[in-house]
Amino acid sequence: MNNEELIWKRDSMSDRVNILALLVRSVVKEPNKVNIKEIEEKDSITFEIKTSSADVGQVIGKRGRTIRSINNVMNMLCWKDKKKIHLKILR
C-alpha cells in the first residue's frame, strides 16, 4: 500500500468535519462557538456551519472570497468521492 492509498483510507466523515472546523475556527473571533454538521446525500455532501452572528461576515469574507476558498479546499479533499460540496452558514 503506497502513501496515497493510506491517505485516502484515513479520510472519513469525521476527518472532513475536523478539517473544515479548523479552517473556519482560524478565521472567526469566537472559535469555541463554531459547530459543524455533515449531511451526506447520494450525490452531494452538505456542511452546515453554525457560528455566532458576529462571525458570519468573517466566514463569508469580502465578496465571498473566504467561504469560496474554504469550499475549494473541501472540494479538493472530497474529489475522490465525486460528490458536490455545499457549505451552509447558519446563525
Foldseek 3Di string as FASTA:
>chain_A
DDPVVVVVVPDDPVVLQVVLLVLLLVQFPDSVQWDWDWDDDDAAIEIEIEHDPVGPCSCCDVVSPNVVVSLVVSCVSCVVVNHHYHYHYDD
